[in-house]
PDB file of N, CA and C in Angstrom:
ATOM      1  N   UNK A   1       0.993  -1.126   0.075  1.00  0.00           N
ATOM      2  CA  UNK A   1      -0.067  -0.201  -0.010  1.00  0.00           C
ATOM      3  C   UNK A   1       0.690   1.102   0.104  1.00  0.00           C
ATOM      4  N   UNK A   2       0.621   2.214  -0.800  1.00  0.00           N
ATOM      5  CA  UNK A   2       1.294   3.631  -0.967  1.00  0.00           C
ATOM      6  C   UNK A   2       0.870   4.481   0.263  1.00  0.00           C
ATOM      7  N   UNK A   3       1.565   4.448   1.239  1.00  0.00           N
ATOM      8  CA  UNK A   3       0.770   5.359   2.319  1.00  0.00           C
ATOM      9  C   UNK A   3       0.695   6.917   2.091  1.00  0.00           C
ATOM     10  N   UNK A   4       1.735   7.112   1.246  1.00  0.00           N
ATOM     11  CA  UNK A   4       1.660   8.423   0.964  1.00  0.00           C
ATOM     12  C   UNK A   4       1.001   9.022  -0.236  1.00  0.00           C
ATOM     13  N   UNK A   5       0.347   8.025  -1.085  1.00  0.00           N
ATOM     14  CA  UNK A   5      -0.788   8.594  -1.770  1.00  0.00           C
ATOM     15  C   UNK A   5      -1.846   8.587  -1.288  1.00  0.00           C
ATOM     16  N   UNK A   6      -2.272   7.771  -0.526  1.00  0.00           N
ATOM     17  CA  UNK A   6      -3.342   7.236   0.472  1.00  0.00           C
ATOM     18  C   UNK A   6      -3.224   9.040   1.437  1.00  0.00           C
ATOM     19  N   UNK A   7      -2.532   9.134   2.090  1.00  0.00           N
ATOM     20  CA  UNK A   7      -2.416  10.084   2.984  1.00  0.00           C
ATOM     21  C   UNK A   7      -2.716  11.652   1.727  1.00  0.00           C
ATOM     22  N   UNK A   8      -1.897  11.852   0.714  1.00  0.00           N
ATOM     23  CA  UNK A   8      -2.649  12.695  -0.262  1.00  0.00           C
ATOM     24  C   UNK A   8      -3.821  12.704  -0.562  1.00  0.00           C
ATOM     25  N   UNK A   9      -4.589  11.937  -0.669  1.00  0.00           N
ATOM     26  CA  UNK A   9      -5.785  11.883  -1.085  1.00  0.00           C
ATOM     27  C   UNK A   9      -6.847  12.176   0.428  1.00  0.00           C
ATOM     28  N   UNK A  10      -6.522  11.774   1.106  1.00  0.00           N
ATOM     29  CA  UNK A  10      -7.066  12.096   2.644  1.00  0.00           C
ATOM     30  C   UNK A  10      -6.989  13.727   2.705  1.00  0.00           C
ATOM     31  N   UNK A  11      -5.696  14.315   2.390  1.00  0.00           N
ATOM     32  CA  UNK A  11      -5.647  15.657   2.511  1.00  0.00           C
ATOM     33  C   UNK A  11      -6.576  16.520   1.562  1.00  0.00           C
ATOM     34  N   UNK A  12      -6.634  15.708   0.520  1.00  0.00           N
ATOM     35  CA  UNK A  12      -7.374  16.708  -0.532  1.00  0.00           C
ATOM     36  C   UNK A  12      -8.702  16.615  -0.287  1.00  0.00           C
ATOM     37  N   UNK A  13      -9.392  15.711   0.508  1.00  0.00           N
ATOM     38  CA  UNK A  13     -10.667  15.627   0.606  1.00  0.00           C
ATOM     39  C   UNK A  13     -10.796  16.503   2.178  1.00  0.00           C
ATOM     40  N   UNK A  14      -9.529  16.804   2.669  1.00  0.00           N
ATOM     41  CA  UNK A  14     -10.131  17.458   4.212  1.00  0.00           C
ATOM     42  C   UNK A  14      -9.990  19.028   4.196  1.00  0.00           C
ATOM     43  N   UNK A  15      -9.797  19.491   2.842  1.00  0.00           N
ATOM     44  CA  UNK A  15      -9.924  20.857   2.628  1.00  0.00           C
ATOM     45  C   UNK A  15     -10.315  21.065   1.426  1.00  0.00           C
ATOM     46  N   UNK A  16     -10.793  22.420   1.026  1.00  0.00           N
ATOM     47  CA  UNK A  16     -11.497  22.864  -0.378  1.00  0.00           C
ATOM     48  C   UNK A  16     -11.012  24.043  -0.470  1.00  0.00           C
ATOM     49  N   UNK A  17     -10.030  24.452  -2.014  1.00  0.00           N
ATOM     50  CA  UNK A  17     -10.291  25.758  -1.893  1.00  0.00           C
ATOM     51  C   UNK A  17     -11.100  26.571  -2.759  1.00  0.00           C
ATOM     52  N   UNK A  18     -11.403  27.647  -2.597  1.00  0.00           N
ATOM     53  CA  UNK A  18     -12.380  28.317  -3.215  1.00  0.00           C
ATOM     54  C   UNK A  18     -11.953  29.968  -3.588  1.00  0.00           C
ATOM     55  N   UNK A  19     -12.924  30.396  -3.924  1.00  0.00           N
ATOM     56  CA  UNK A  19     -12.475  32.388  -4.002  1.00  0.00           C
ATOM     57  C   UNK A  19     -12.335  32.834  -3.043  1.00  0.00           C
ATOM     58  N   UNK A  20     -13.535  32.502  -1.946  1.00  0.00           N
ATOM     59  CA  UNK A  20     -13.594  32.982  -0.814  1.00  0.00           C
ATOM     60  C   UNK A  20     -12.280  32.661   0.156  1.00  0.00           C
ATOM     61  N   UNK A  21     -11.483  31.549  -0.196  1.00  0.00           N
ATOM     62  CA  UNK A  21     -10.688  31.018   0.962  1.00  0.00           C
ATOM     63  C   UNK A  21     -10.224  29.632   1.076  1.00  0.00           C
ATOM     64  N   UNK A  22     -10.348  28.944   2.205  1.00  0.00           N
ATOM     65  CA  UNK A  22     -10.336  27.529   2.435  1.00  0.00           C
ATOM     66  C   UNK A  22     -11.176  27.107   3.276  1.00  0.00           C
ATOM     67  N   UNK A  23     -12.417  25.972   2.800  1.00  0.00           N
ATOM     68  CA  UNK A  23     -12.816  25.093   3.773  1.00  0.00           C
ATOM     69  C   UNK A  23     -12.105  24.074   4.306  1.00  0.00           C
ATOM     70  N   UNK A  24     -12.309  23.791   5.627  1.00  0.00           N
ATOM     71  CA  UNK A  24     -11.583  22.602   6.402  1.00  0.00           C
ATOM     72  C   UNK A  24     -12.423  21.945   6.689  1.00  0.00           C
ATOM     73  N   UNK A  25     -12.571  20.707   6.704  1.00  0.00           N
ATOM     74  CA  UNK A  25     -13.296  20.065   7.421  1.00  0.00           C
ATOM     75  C   UNK A  25     -12.798  19.279   8.455  1.00  0.00           C
ATOM     76  N   UNK A  26     -13.170  19.571   9.633  1.00  0.00           N
ATOM     77  CA  UNK A  26     -12.216  19.134  10.919  1.00  0.00           C
ATOM     78  C   UNK A  26     -12.791  18.190  12.003  1.00  0.00           C
ATOM     79  N   UNK A  27     -12.105  17.459  12.481  1.00  0.00           N
ATOM     80  CA  UNK A  27     -12.602  16.733  13.902  1.00  0.00           C
ATOM     81  C   UNK A  27     -12.076  17.058  15.000  1.00  0.00           C
ATOM     82  N   UNK A  28     -12.548  17.594  15.973  1.00  0.00           N
ATOM     83  CA  UNK A  28     -12.176  18.589  16.655  1.00  0.00           C
ATOM     84  C   UNK A  28     -12.205  17.684  18.080  1.00  0.00           C
ATOM     85  N   UNK A  29     -11.193  17.741  18.994  1.00  0.00           N
ATOM     86  CA  UNK A  29     -11.114  16.811  20.315  1.00  0.00           C
ATOM     87  C   UNK A  29     -11.019  18.154  21.493  1.00  0.00           C
ATOM     88  N   UNK A  30     -12.132  18.278  21.855  1.00  0.00           N
ATOM     89  CA  UNK A  30     -12.159  19.145  22.920  1.00  0.00           C
ATOM     90  C   UNK A  30     -11.872  18.546  24.321  1.00  0.00           C
ATOM     91  N   UNK A  31     -11.205  19.541  25.269  1.00  0.00           N
ATOM     92  CA  UNK A  31     -10.918  19.239  26.635  1.00  0.00           C
ATOM     93  C   UNK A  31      -9.288  18.416  26.405  1.00  0.00           C
ATOM     94  N   UNK A  32      -8.772  19.137  25.582  1.00  0.00           N
ATOM     95  CA  UNK A  32      -7.382  18.069  25.255  1.00  0.00           C
ATOM     96  C   UNK A  32      -6.527  18.919  26.500  1.00  0.00           C
ATOM     97  N   UNK A  33      -4.746  18.222  26.561  1.00  0.00           N
ATOM     98  CA  UNK A  33      -4.261  18.789  27.514  1.00  0.00           C
ATOM     99  C   UNK A  33      -3.200  20.219  26.647  1.00  0.00           C
ATOM    100  N   UNK A  34      -3.245  19.616  25.163  1.00  0.00           N
ATOM    101  CA  UNK A  34      -2.616  20.921  24.136  1.00  0.00           C
ATOM    102  C   UNK A  34      -3.773  21.350  23.303  1.00  0.00           C
ATOM    103  N   UNK A  35      -3.756  22.500  23.099  1.00  0.00           N
ATOM    104  CA  UNK A  35      -4.345  23.069  21.777  1.00  0.00           C
ATOM    105  C   UNK A  35      -3.179  22.654  20.314  1.00  0.00           C
ATOM    106  N   UNK A  36      -3.640  21.873  19.645  1.00  0.00           N
ATOM    107  CA  UNK A  36      -2.752  21.797  18.236  1.00  0.00           C
ATOM    108  C   UNK A  36      -3.447  21.295  17.190  1.00  0.00           C
ATOM    109  N   UNK A  37      -3.007  21.564  15.905  1.00  0.00           N
ATOM    110  CA  UNK A  37      -3.545  20.837  14.673  1.00  0.00           C
ATOM    111  C   UNK A  37      -2.823  19.356  14.871  1.00  0.00           C
ATOM    112  N   UNK A  38      -3.381  18.638  14.894  1.00  0.00           N
ATOM    113  CA  UNK A  38      -2.800  17.133  15.308  1.00  0.00           C
ATOM    114  C   UNK A  38      -2.519  16.061  13.956  1.00  0.00           C
ATOM    115  N   UNK A  39      -3.218  16.378  13.086  1.00  0.00           N
ATOM    116  CA  UNK A  39      -2.678  15.607  11.509  1.00  0.00           C
ATOM    117  C   UNK A  39      -3.995  15.077  11.193  1.00  0.00           C
ATOM    118  N   UNK A  40      -4.068  14.251  10.080  1.00  0.00           N
ATOM    119  CA  UNK A  40      -5.451  13.784   9.628  1.00  0.00           C
ATOM    120  C   UNK A  40      -6.062  12.848  10.274  1.00  0.00           C
ATOM    121  N   UNK A  41      -7.452  12.476  10.436  1.00  0.00           N
ATOM    122  CA  UNK A  41      -8.308  11.535  11.124  1.00  0.00           C
ATOM    123  C   UNK A  41      -9.102  11.258   9.922  1.00  0.00           C
ATOM    124  N   UNK A  42      -9.426  10.209   8.958  1.00  0.00           N
ATOM    125  CA  UNK A  42      -9.939   9.885   7.917  1.00  0.00           C
ATOM    126  C   UNK A  42      -9.917  10.709   6.845  1.00  0.00           C
ATOM    127  N   UNK A  43     -10.863  11.737   6.548  1.00  0.00           N
ATOM    128  CA  UNK A  43     -10.901  12.397   5.499  1.00  0.00           C
ATOM    129  C   UNK A  43     -11.240  13.777   6.229  1.00  0.00           C
ATOM    130  N   UNK A  44     -10.551  14.260   7.413  1.00  0.00           N
ATOM    131  CA  UNK A  44     -10.853  15.301   7.906  1.00  0.00           C
ATOM    132  C   UNK A  44      -9.365  15.752   8.507  1.00  0.00           C
ATOM    133  N   UNK A  45      -9.125  17.146   9.213  1.00  0.00           N
ATOM    134  CA  UNK A  45      -8.026  17.349   9.817  1.00  0.00           C
ATOM    135  C   UNK A  45      -8.655  17.705  11.451  1.00  0.00           C
ATOM    136  N   UNK A  46      -7.473  16.494  12.096  1.00  0.00           N
ATOM    137  CA  UNK A  46      -8.088  16.531  13.535  1.00  0.00           C
ATOM    138  C   UNK A  46      -7.395  17.634  14.309  1.00  0.00           C
ATOM    139  N   UNK A  47      -8.138  18.393  14.958  1.00  0.00           N
ATOM    140  CA  UNK A  47      -7.564  19.696  15.840  1.00  0.00           C
ATOM    141  C   UNK A  47      -7.924  19.200  16.979  1.00  0.00           C
ATOM    142  N   UNK A  48      -6.744  19.695  18.161  1.00  0.00           N
ATOM    143  CA  UNK A  48      -7.440  19.355  19.484  1.00  0.00           C
ATOM    144  C   UNK A  48      -7.351  21.015  20.333  1.00  0.00           C
ATOM    145  N   UNK A  49      -8.232  20.962  21.155  1.00  0.00           N
ATOM    146  CA  UNK A  49      -8.400  22.342  22.082  1.00  0.00           C
ATOM    147  C   UNK A  49      -8.918  22.241  23.212  1.00  0.00           C
ATOM    148  N   UNK A  50      -8.237  23.071  24.290  1.00  0.00           N
ATOM    149  CA  UNK A  50      -8.043  22.594  25.669  1.00  0.00           C
ATOM    150  C   UNK A  50      -9.834  23.289  26.198  1.00  0.00           C
ATOM    151  N   UNK A  51     -10.297  24.029  25.687  1.00  0.00           N
ATOM    152  CA  UNK A  51     -11.484  24.041  26.096  1.00  0.00           C
ATOM    153  C   UNK A  51     -12.724  22.899  25.909  1.00  0.00           C
ATOM    154  N   UNK A  52     -13.225  22.884  27.112  1.00  0.00           N
ATOM    155  CA  UNK A  52     -14.443  21.798  26.700  1.00  0.00           C
ATOM    156  C   UNK A  52     -15.709  22.193  26.202  1.00  0.00           C
ATOM    157  N   UNK A  53     -16.571  21.667  25.841  1.00  0.00           N
ATOM    158  CA  UNK A  53     -17.551  21.602  24.639  1.00  0.00           C
ATOM    159  C   UNK A  53     -18.459  22.021  25.315  1.00  0.00           C
ATOM    160  N   UNK A  54     -18.633  22.828  25.653  1.00  0.00           N
ATOM    161  CA  UNK A  54     -19.676  23.610  27.088  1.00  0.00           C
ATOM    162  C   UNK A  54     -19.830  25.232  26.594  1.00  0.00           C
ATOM    163  N   UNK A  55     -21.265  25.677  26.125  1.00  0.00           N
ATOM    164  CA  UNK A  55     -21.641  26.773  25.723  1.00  0.00           C
ATOM    165  C   UNK A  55     -20.678  27.410  24.883  1.00  0.00           C
ATOM    166  N   UNK A  56     -20.410  26.263  24.018  1.00  0.00           N
ATOM    167  CA  UNK A  56     -19.511  26.930  22.539  1.00  0.00           C
ATOM    168  C   UNK A  56     -17.854  27.466  23.037  1.00  0.00           C
ATOM    169  N   UNK A  57     -17.400  27.208  23.689  1.00  0.00           N
ATOM    170  CA  UNK A  57     -16.132  27.534  24.115  1.00  0.00           C
ATOM    171  C   UNK A  57     -15.269  26.544  23.328  1.00  0.00           C
ATOM    172  N   UNK A  58     -15.646  25.490  22.993  1.00  0.00           N
ATOM    173  CA  UNK A  58     -14.649  24.665  22.329  1.00  0.00           C
ATOM    174  C   UNK A  58     -14.897  24.820  20.615  1.00  0.00           C
ATOM    175  N   UNK A  59     -16.048  25.913  20.204  1.00  0.00           N
ATOM    176  CA  UNK A  59     -15.826  26.475  18.952  1.00  0.00           C
ATOM    177  C   UNK A  59     -15.407  27.776  18.993  1.00  0.00           C
ATOM    178  N   UNK A  60     -15.288  28.452  20.400  1.00  0.00           N
ATOM    179  CA  UNK A  60     -14.377  29.667  19.973  1.00  0.00           C
ATOM    180  C   UNK A  60     -12.858  29.424  19.996  1.00  0.00           C
ATOM    181  N   UNK A  61     -12.490  28.092  20.857  1.00  0.00           N
ATOM    182  CA  UNK A  61     -11.330  27.819  20.755  1.00  0.00           C
ATOM    183  C   UNK A  61     -10.849  27.289  19.680  1.00  0.00           C
ATOM    184  N   UNK A  62     -11.437  26.726  18.673  1.00  0.00           N
ATOM    185  CA  UNK A  62     -11.048  26.331  17.493  1.00  0.00           C
ATOM    186  C   UNK A  62     -10.682  27.458  16.564  1.00  0.00           C
ATOM    187  N   UNK A  63     -11.910  28.257  16.797  1.00  0.00           N
ATOM    188  CA  UNK A  63     -11.672  29.634  15.849  1.00  0.00           C
ATOM    189  C   UNK A  63     -10.417  30.086  16.238  1.00  0.00           C
ATOM    190  N   UNK A  64      -9.959  30.499  17.558  1.00  0.00           N
ATOM    191  CA  UNK A  64      -8.692  30.812  17.684  1.00  0.00           C
ATOM    192  C   UNK A  64      -7.652  30.467  17.477  1.00  0.00           C
ATOM    193  N   UNK A  65      -7.859  29.025  17.545  1.00  0.00           N
ATOM    194  CA  UNK A  65      -6.459  28.178  17.271  1.00  0.00           C
ATOM    195  C   UNK A  65      -6.225  28.349  15.685  1.00  0.00           C
ATOM    196  N   UNK A  66      -7.146  28.294  14.967  1.00  0.00           N
ATOM    197  CA  UNK A  66      -7.185  28.315  13.558  1.00  0.00           C
ATOM    198  C   UNK A  66      -6.545  29.816  13.151  1.00  0.00           C
ATOM    199  N   UNK A  67      -7.038  31.056  13.463  1.00  0.00           N
ATOM    200  CA  UNK A  67      -6.557  32.509  13.148  1.00  0.00           C
ATOM    201  C   UNK A  67      -5.466  32.236  13.363  1.00  0.00           C
ATOM    202  N   UNK A  68      -4.936  32.030  14.961  1.00  0.00           N
ATOM    203  CA  UNK A  68      -3.285  32.306  15.508  1.00  0.00           C
ATOM    204  C   UNK A  68      -2.661  31.261  14.277  1.00  0.00           C
ATOM    205  N   UNK A  69      -3.074  30.114  14.277  1.00  0.00           N
ATOM    206  CA  UNK A  69      -2.271  29.253  13.088  1.00  0.00           C
ATOM    207  C   UNK A  69      -2.033  29.841  11.967  1.00  0.00           C
ATOM    208  N   UNK A  70      -3.132  30.396  11.487  1.00  0.00           N
ATOM    209  CA  UNK A  70      -2.785  30.838   9.766  1.00  0.00           C
ATOM    210  C   UNK A  70      -2.862  32.245   9.791  1.00  0.00           C
ATOM    211  N   UNK A  71      -2.584  33.075  11.059  1.00  0.00           N
ATOM    212  CA  UNK A  71      -2.070  34.424  10.929  1.00  0.00           C
ATOM    213  C   UNK A  71      -3.113  34.949  10.327  1.00  0.00           C
ATOM    214  N   UNK A  72      -4.506  35.208  11.053  1.00  0.00           N
ATOM    215  CA  UNK A  72      -5.831  35.550  10.373  1.00  0.00           C
ATOM    216  C   UNK A  72      -6.515  36.437  11.575  1.00  0.00           C
ATOM    217  N   UNK A  73      -7.153  37.150  11.235  1.00  0.00           N
ATOM    218  CA  UNK A  73      -8.312  37.621  11.936  1.00  0.00           C
ATOM    219  C   UNK A  73      -9.319  36.973  12.432  1.00  0.00           C
ATOM    220  N   UNK A  74      -9.406  36.788  14.001  1.00  0.00           N
ATOM    221  CA  UNK A  74     -10.501  35.946  14.337  1.00  0.00           C
ATOM    222  C   UNK A  74     -11.794  35.636  13.362  1.00  0.00           C
ATOM    223  N   UNK A  75     -11.871  36.915  12.750  1.00  0.00           N
ATOM    224  CA  UNK A  75     -13.534  37.499  12.462  1.00  0.00           C
ATOM    225  C   UNK A  75     -13.274  36.712  10.694  1.00  0.00           C
ATOM    226  N   UNK A  76     -12.252  36.011   9.988  1.00  0.00           N
ATOM    227  CA  UNK A  76     -11.859  35.637   9.096  1.00  0.00           C
ATOM    228  C   UNK A  76     -12.228  34.139   9.292  1.00  0.00           C
ATOM    229  N   UNK A  77     -12.426  33.807  10.365  1.00  0.00           N
ATOM    230  CA  UNK A  77     -12.818  32.318  10.572  1.00  0.00           C
ATOM    231  C   UNK A  77     -14.250  31.828  10.920  1.00  0.00           C
ATOM    232  N   UNK A  78     -14.528  31.324  10.354  1.00  0.00           N
ATOM    233  CA  UNK A  78     -16.401  31.081  10.383  1.00  0.00           C
ATOM    234  C   UNK A  78     -16.509  29.650  10.435  1.00  0.00           C
ATOM    235  N   UNK A  79     -17.435  29.299  11.409  1.00  0.00           N
ATOM    236  CA  UNK A  79     -17.489  27.864  11.828  1.00  0.00           C
ATOM    237  C   UNK A  79     -19.219  28.076  10.758  1.00  0.00           C
ATOM    238  N   UNK A  80     -18.940  26.679   9.493  1.00  0.00           N
ATOM    239  CA  UNK A  80     -20.092  27.226   9.007  1.00  0.00           C
ATOM    240  C   UNK A  80     -21.109  25.787   9.133  1.00  0.00           C
ATOM    241  N   UNK A  81     -20.550  24.751   9.479  1.00  0.00           N
ATOM    242  CA  UNK A  81     -21.451  23.567  10.174  1.00  0.00           C
ATOM    243  C   UNK A  81     -20.770  22.943  11.449  1.00  0.00           C
ATOM    244  N   UNK A  82     -21.814  22.306  12.156  1.00  0.00           N
ATOM    245  CA  UNK A  82     -21.284  21.531  13.003  1.00  0.00           C
ATOM    246  C   UNK A  82     -21.221  22.262  14.569  1.00  0.00           C
ATOM    247  N   UNK A  83     -21.746  23.216  14.865  1.00  0.00           N
ATOM    248  CA  UNK A  83     -21.641  23.794  15.876  1.00  0.00           C
ATOM    249  C   UNK A  83     -21.776  23.025  17.379  1.00  0.00           C
ATOM    250  N   UNK A  84     -22.844  21.848  17.070  1.00  0.00           N
ATOM    251  CA  UNK A  84     -22.692  20.826  18.062  1.00  0.00           C
ATOM    252  C   UNK A  84     -22.023  19.779  17.957  1.00  0.00           C
ATOM    253  N   UNK A  85     -21.149  19.617  17.271  1.00  0.00           N
ATOM    254  CA  UNK A  85     -20.627  18.395  16.831  1.00  0.00           C
ATOM    255  C   UNK A  85     -19.110  18.257  16.761  1.00  0.00           C
ATOM    256  N   UNK A  86     -18.450  17.147  16.462  1.00  0.00           N
ATOM    257  CA  UNK A  86     -17.313  17.471  16.816  1.00  0.00           C
ATOM    258  C   UNK A  86     -16.564  17.170  15.001  1.00  0.00           C
ATOM    259  N   UNK A  87     -17.452  16.971  14.266  1.00  0.00           N
ATOM    260  CA  UNK A  87     -17.389  17.035  13.036  1.00  0.00           C
ATOM    261  C   UNK A  87     -17.629  18.421  12.505  1.00  0.00           C
ATOM    262  N   UNK A  88     -17.038  19.278  12.316  1.00  0.00           N
ATOM    263  CA  UNK A  88     -17.179  20.685  11.910  1.00  0.00           C
ATOM    264  C   UNK A  88     -16.563  21.040  10.634  1.00  0.00           C
ATOM    265  N   UNK A  89     -17.267  22.115   9.851  1.00  0.00           N
ATOM    266  CA  UNK A  89     -16.587  22.694   8.986  1.00  0.00           C
ATOM    267  C   UNK A  89     -16.488  24.326   8.772  1.00  0.00           C
ATOM    268  N   UNK A  90     -15.263  24.591   8.487  1.00  0.00           N
ATOM    269  CA  UNK A  90     -15.051  25.848   8.732  1.00  0.00           C
ATOM    270  C   UNK A  90     -14.283  26.620   7.544  1.00  0.00           C
ATOM    271  N   UNK A  91     -14.591  27.836   7.574  1.00  0.00           N
ATOM    272  CA  UNK A  91     -14.014  28.562   6.416  1.00  0.00           C
ATOM    273  C   UNK A  91     -13.307  29.479   7.027  1.00  0.00           C
ATOM    274  N   UNK A  92     -11.659  29.403   6.068  1.00  0.00           N
ATOM    275  CA  UNK A  92     -10.748  30.657   6.513  1.00  0.00           C
ATOM    276  C   UNK A  92     -10.621  31.416   5.293  1.00  0.00           C
ATOM    277  N   UNK A  93     -10.885  32.633   5.464  1.00  0.00           N
ATOM    278  CA  UNK A  93     -11.188  33.631   4.518  1.00  0.00           C
ATOM    279  C   UNK A  93      -9.606  34.560   4.269  1.00  0.00           C
ATOM    280  N   UNK A  94      -9.114  34.128   2.766  1.00  0.00           N
ATOM    281  CA  UNK A  94      -7.978  34.816   2.481  1.00  0.00           C
ATOM    282  C   UNK A  94      -7.300  33.803   1.303  1.00  0.00           C
ATOM    283  N   UNK A  95      -6.232  33.979   1.008  1.00  0.00           N
ATOM    284  CA  UNK A  95      -5.631  33.645  -0.156  1.00  0.00           C
ATOM    285  C   UNK A  95      -5.792  32.103   0.045  1.00  0.00           C
ATOM    286  N   UNK A  96      -6.686  31.224  -0.755  1.00  0.00           N
ATOM    287  CA  UNK A  96      -6.629  29.863  -0.768  1.00  0.00           C
ATOM    288  C   UNK A  96      -5.445  29.052  -0.954  1.00  0.00           C
ATOM    289  N   UNK A  97      -4.657  29.587  -1.693  1.00  0.00           N
ATOM    290  CA  UNK A  97      -3.114  28.706  -2.003  1.00  0.00           C
ATOM    291  C   UNK A  97      -2.271  28.939  -0.961  1.00  0.00           C
ATOM    292  N   UNK A  98      -2.113  29.963  -0.337  1.00  0.00           N
ATOM    293  CA  UNK A  98      -1.119  30.385   0.610  1.00  0.00           C
ATOM    294  C   UNK A  98      -1.659  29.717   1.823  1.00  0.00           C
ATOM    295  N   UNK A  99      -3.123  29.486   1.799  1.00  0.00           N
ATOM    296  CA  UNK A  99      -3.457  28.564   3.163  1.00  0.00           C
ATOM    297  C   UNK A  99      -3.399  27.206   3.040  1.00  0.00           C
ATOM    298  N   UNK A 100      -3.648  26.661   1.870  1.00  0.00           N
ATOM    299  CA  UNK A 100      -3.689  25.592   1.363  1.00  0.00           C
ATOM    300  C   UNK A 100      -2.245  25.082   1.838  1.00  0.00           C
ATOM    301  N   UNK A 101      -1.461  25.927   1.633  1.00  0.00           N
ATOM    302  CA  UNK A 101      -0.046  25.659   1.448  1.00  0.00           C
ATOM    303  C   UNK A 101       0.419  25.255   3.065  1.00  0.00           C
ATOM    304  N   UNK A 102       0.055  26.107   3.398  1.00  0.00           N
ATOM    305  CA  UNK A 102       0.352  26.425   5.100  1.00  0.00           C
ATOM    306  C   UNK A 102      -0.054  25.053   5.774  1.00  0.00           C
ATOM    307  N   UNK A 103      -1.352  24.838   5.186  1.00  0.00           N
ATOM    308  CA  UNK A 103      -1.931  23.794   6.071  1.00  0.00           C
ATOM    309  C   UNK A 103      -1.348  22.115   6.058  1.00  0.00           C
ATOM    310  N   UNK A 104      -1.060  22.075   4.253  1.00  0.00           N
ATOM    311  CA  UNK A 104      -0.199  21.005   4.110  1.00  0.00           C
ATOM    312  C   UNK A 104       1.020  20.959   4.767  1.00  0.00           C
ATOM    313  N   UNK A 105       1.620  22.046   4.970  1.00  0.00           N
ATOM    314  CA  UNK A 105       2.707  21.814   5.845  1.00  0.00           C
ATOM    315  C   UNK A 105       2.918  21.248   7.311  1.00  0.00           C
ATOM    316  N   UNK A 106       1.861  21.884   7.872  1.00  0.00           N
ATOM    317  CA  UNK A 106       1.406  21.699   9.461  1.00  0.00           C
ATOM    318  C   UNK A 106       1.115  20.196   9.231  1.00  0.00           C
ATOM    319  N   UNK A 107       0.513  19.620   8.398  1.00  0.00           N
ATOM    320  CA  UNK A 107       0.028  18.282   8.305  1.00  0.00           C
ATOM    321  C   UNK A 107       1.407  17.613   7.893  1.00  0.00           C
ATOM    322  N   UNK A 108       2.367  17.888   7.140  1.00  0.00           N
ATOM    323  CA  UNK A 108       3.516  16.870   7.102  1.00  0.00           C
ATOM    324  C   UNK A 108       4.316  16.859   8.044  1.00  0.00           C
ATOM    325  N   UNK A 109       4.513  18.080   8.706  1.00  0.00           N
ATOM    326  CA  UNK A 109       5.063  18.259  10.258  1.00  0.00           C
ATOM    327  C   UNK A 109       4.580  17.264  11.182  1.00  0.00           C
ATOM    328  N   UNK A 110       3.152  16.842  11.223  1.00  0.00           N
ATOM    329  CA  UNK A 110       2.492  16.520  12.566  1.00  0.00           C
ATOM    330  C   UNK A 110       2.657  15.119  12.197  1.00  0.00           C
ATOM    331  N   UNK A 111       3.247  14.398  11.231  1.00  0.00           N
ATOM    332  CA  UNK A 111       3.215  12.989  11.055  1.00  0.00           C
ATOM    333  C   UNK A 111       4.694  12.330  12.023  1.00  0.00           C
TER     334      UNK A 111
END
């Protein structure tokens, strides 16, 4: 089995570039000991946040982590789907090529 090819296919399904920016499909682990982008889990980008899934705290932590990681304003990180789920869809507004390259680099370093 070619793991590199499999990983590339999963990455291609985990994020989608558009004119608005980059849509990322997430699997979120709330209540973690450390906030970080962990890697790929199935066809999603797995991220961990320290906030618990209570009153939207984990959702705000997700937005903050992504804004900091991609050097964006928090207002340009929009939670589109999954407000009450671990499976979330997030839009990062900006240059999709730059954002996609940064995400690819982060995923590669997480292996």
